[in-house]
Protein backbone atom coordinates (compact mmCIF):
# COMPACT_ATOMS: atom_id res chain seq x y z
CA MET A 1 40.35 67.18 38.19
CA THR A 2 39.21 64.75 35.50
CA HIS A 3 38.21 61.28 36.65
CA LEU A 4 38.86 58.58 34.05
CA VAL A 5 38.49 54.83 33.92
CA HIS A 6 40.41 52.93 31.25
CA ASN A 7 38.92 49.44 31.27
CA GLU A 8 36.42 47.07 32.86
CA LYS A 9 38.84 46.08 35.61
CA GLU A 10 39.24 49.68 36.78
CA ALA A 11 35.45 50.07 36.71
CA ALA A 12 35.04 46.87 38.74
CA ILE A 13 37.59 48.06 41.30
CA ALA A 14 35.88 51.45 41.65
CA TYR A 15 32.46 49.83 42.13
CA ALA A 16 33.81 47.34 44.66
CA LYS A 17 35.48 50.13 46.62
CA ALA A 18 32.21 52.08 46.65
CA TRP A 19 30.32 49.15 48.18
CA ASN A 20 33.06 48.12 50.58
CA ARG A 21 33.24 51.71 51.86
CA LEU A 22 29.49 52.37 51.47
CA ASP A 23 30.46 55.61 49.74
CA CYS A 24 29.85 55.97 46.02
CA SER A 25 31.14 59.54 45.55
CA ASP A 26 34.32 58.48 43.70
CA TYR A 27 32.41 55.92 41.61
CA ILE A 28 29.81 58.49 40.52
CA GLN A 29 32.63 60.67 39.13
CA LEU A 30 33.56 57.84 36.74
CA LEU A 31 30.10 57.65 35.15
CA ALA A 32 29.35 59.17 31.76
CA ASP A 33 26.58 61.78 31.89
CA ASP A 34 24.38 59.42 29.85
CA ALA A 35 25.43 56.25 31.72
CA HIS A 36 22.94 53.41 31.96
CA TYR A 37 22.31 51.01 34.81
CA ALA A 38 20.14 47.93 34.53
CA SER A 39 19.38 45.27 37.09
CA GLN A 40 17.52 42.01 36.83
CA TYR A 41 16.07 42.94 40.22
CA VAL A 42 14.71 46.38 39.16
CA PHE A 43 11.95 47.07 36.64
CA GLU A 44 13.28 50.10 34.80
CA GLU A 45 16.72 50.92 33.50
CA LEU A 46 18.31 54.11 34.81
CA THR A 47 19.50 56.28 31.92
CA SER A 48 21.66 59.09 33.31
CA LYS A 49 24.39 59.79 35.81
CA GLN A 50 21.90 61.84 37.83
CA GLU A 51 19.36 59.00 38.01
CA ILE A 52 22.05 56.53 39.04
CA GLU A 53 23.37 58.90 41.72
CA ALA A 54 19.83 59.49 43.04
CA TYR A 55 19.38 55.71 43.28
CA LEU A 56 22.80 54.63 44.57
CA ILE A 57 23.43 57.16 47.34
CA PRO A 58 20.23 56.38 49.30
CA LYS A 59 20.69 52.65 48.68
CA MET A 60 24.13 52.70 50.29
CA GLN A 61 22.89 54.95 53.09
CA THR A 62 20.13 52.45 53.87
CA VAL A 63 22.66 49.61 54.06
CA LYS A 64 24.92 51.72 56.28
CA VAL A 65 22.12 52.66 58.69
CA SER A 66 20.78 49.11 58.85
CA GLY A 67 24.18 47.67 59.74
CA ALA A 68 23.81 45.02 57.03
CA LYS A 69 27.02 43.50 55.72
CA VAL A 70 27.81 43.79 52.02
CA TYR A 71 31.04 42.50 50.51
CA ALA A 72 32.18 43.48 47.01
CA GLU A 73 34.77 41.17 45.47
CA LEU A 74 36.64 41.36 42.19
CA GLY A 75 36.21 38.47 39.82
CA VAL A 76 36.07 37.24 36.26
CA THR A 77 33.12 35.78 34.37
CA HIS A 78 33.28 32.30 32.82
CA SER A 79 30.16 32.04 30.71
CA GLY A 80 27.82 34.32 28.89
CA TRP A 81 30.28 37.21 29.06
CA LEU A 82 33.36 35.00 29.05
CA GLY A 83 36.49 36.36 30.69
CA ARG A 84 35.22 39.81 31.66
CA ASP A 85 36.42 41.56 34.79
CA CYS A 86 33.50 42.23 37.10
CA THR A 87 32.42 42.80 40.68
CA PHE A 88 30.55 40.23 42.77
CA LEU A 89 28.32 41.30 45.66
CA CYS A 90 27.73 39.13 48.71
CA GLN A 91 25.29 39.93 51.51
CA GLY A 92 25.64 38.83 55.10
CA SER A 93 28.78 36.79 54.52
CA LYS A 94 31.40 36.31 51.85
CA GLU A 95 30.20 32.78 51.12
CA GLU A 96 27.34 33.25 48.67
CA ILE A 97 27.43 35.63 45.72
CA THR A 98 24.10 37.40 45.26
CA ALA A 99 24.90 39.49 42.18
CA ALA A 100 27.48 40.00 39.44
CA ILE A 101 28.08 43.45 37.99
CA LEU A 102 29.43 43.90 34.45
CA PHE A 103 30.75 47.15 33.01
CA ASP A 104 31.08 48.87 29.64
CA VAL A 105 33.70 51.63 29.42
CA LYS A 106 33.79 54.20 26.64
CA ASP A 107 35.88 57.35 26.24
CA GLY A 108 37.31 57.11 29.76
CA LYS A 109 33.94 56.82 31.51
CA ILE A 110 31.64 54.03 32.61
CA ALA A 111 28.97 54.05 29.92
CA ARG A 112 26.90 51.20 31.33
CA TYR A 113 26.80 48.68 34.13
CA ASP A 114 24.49 45.75 34.59
CA LEU A 115 23.63 43.74 37.68
CA VAL A 116 22.86 40.13 36.82
CA ILE A 117 22.21 36.96 38.73
CA PRO A 118 25.56 35.19 39.27
CA GLU A 119 24.36 31.94 37.72
CA LEU A 120 24.46 33.64 34.30
CA VAL A 121 28.19 34.23 34.40
CA GLN A 122 29.77 31.28 36.28
CA VAL A 123 32.06 33.16 38.59
CA GLN A 124 35.77 32.91 39.15
CA ARG A 125 36.39 34.50 42.54
CA SER A 126 39.57 36.37 43.42
CA GLY A 127 39.25 36.79 47.19
CA VAL A 128 40.11 40.48 46.66
CA TYR A 129 37.80 43.01 48.35
CA PRO A 130 39.13 46.50 47.44
CA ILE A 131 38.78 49.26 49.98
């Protein structure tokens, strides 16, 4: 079965579902083999699906084991990357956004995603937390 993503909104939904379920297996299938992931909180960019998978699976497992609460909400950016569908992450409660995640989709796969501080994008929240 081929797993495709057609736009940033679908990518944002898939990422939000992964975090809300603490299971990234479906999300990983949407990544291009040469996908890139960059975070303002991490020193080096990850440059392949395998590197991202090796990073994301243990990260979610750690959250699951710790019992920490993470909420992934769909939203839209209002500055910097104006009007782009994205995912917002909140930790502990749904009140304060701790990160915004932006996506680039190419040829039916997620080619890149970036985690940025939410102040860079001026968030428009949806109240939708896909599971």
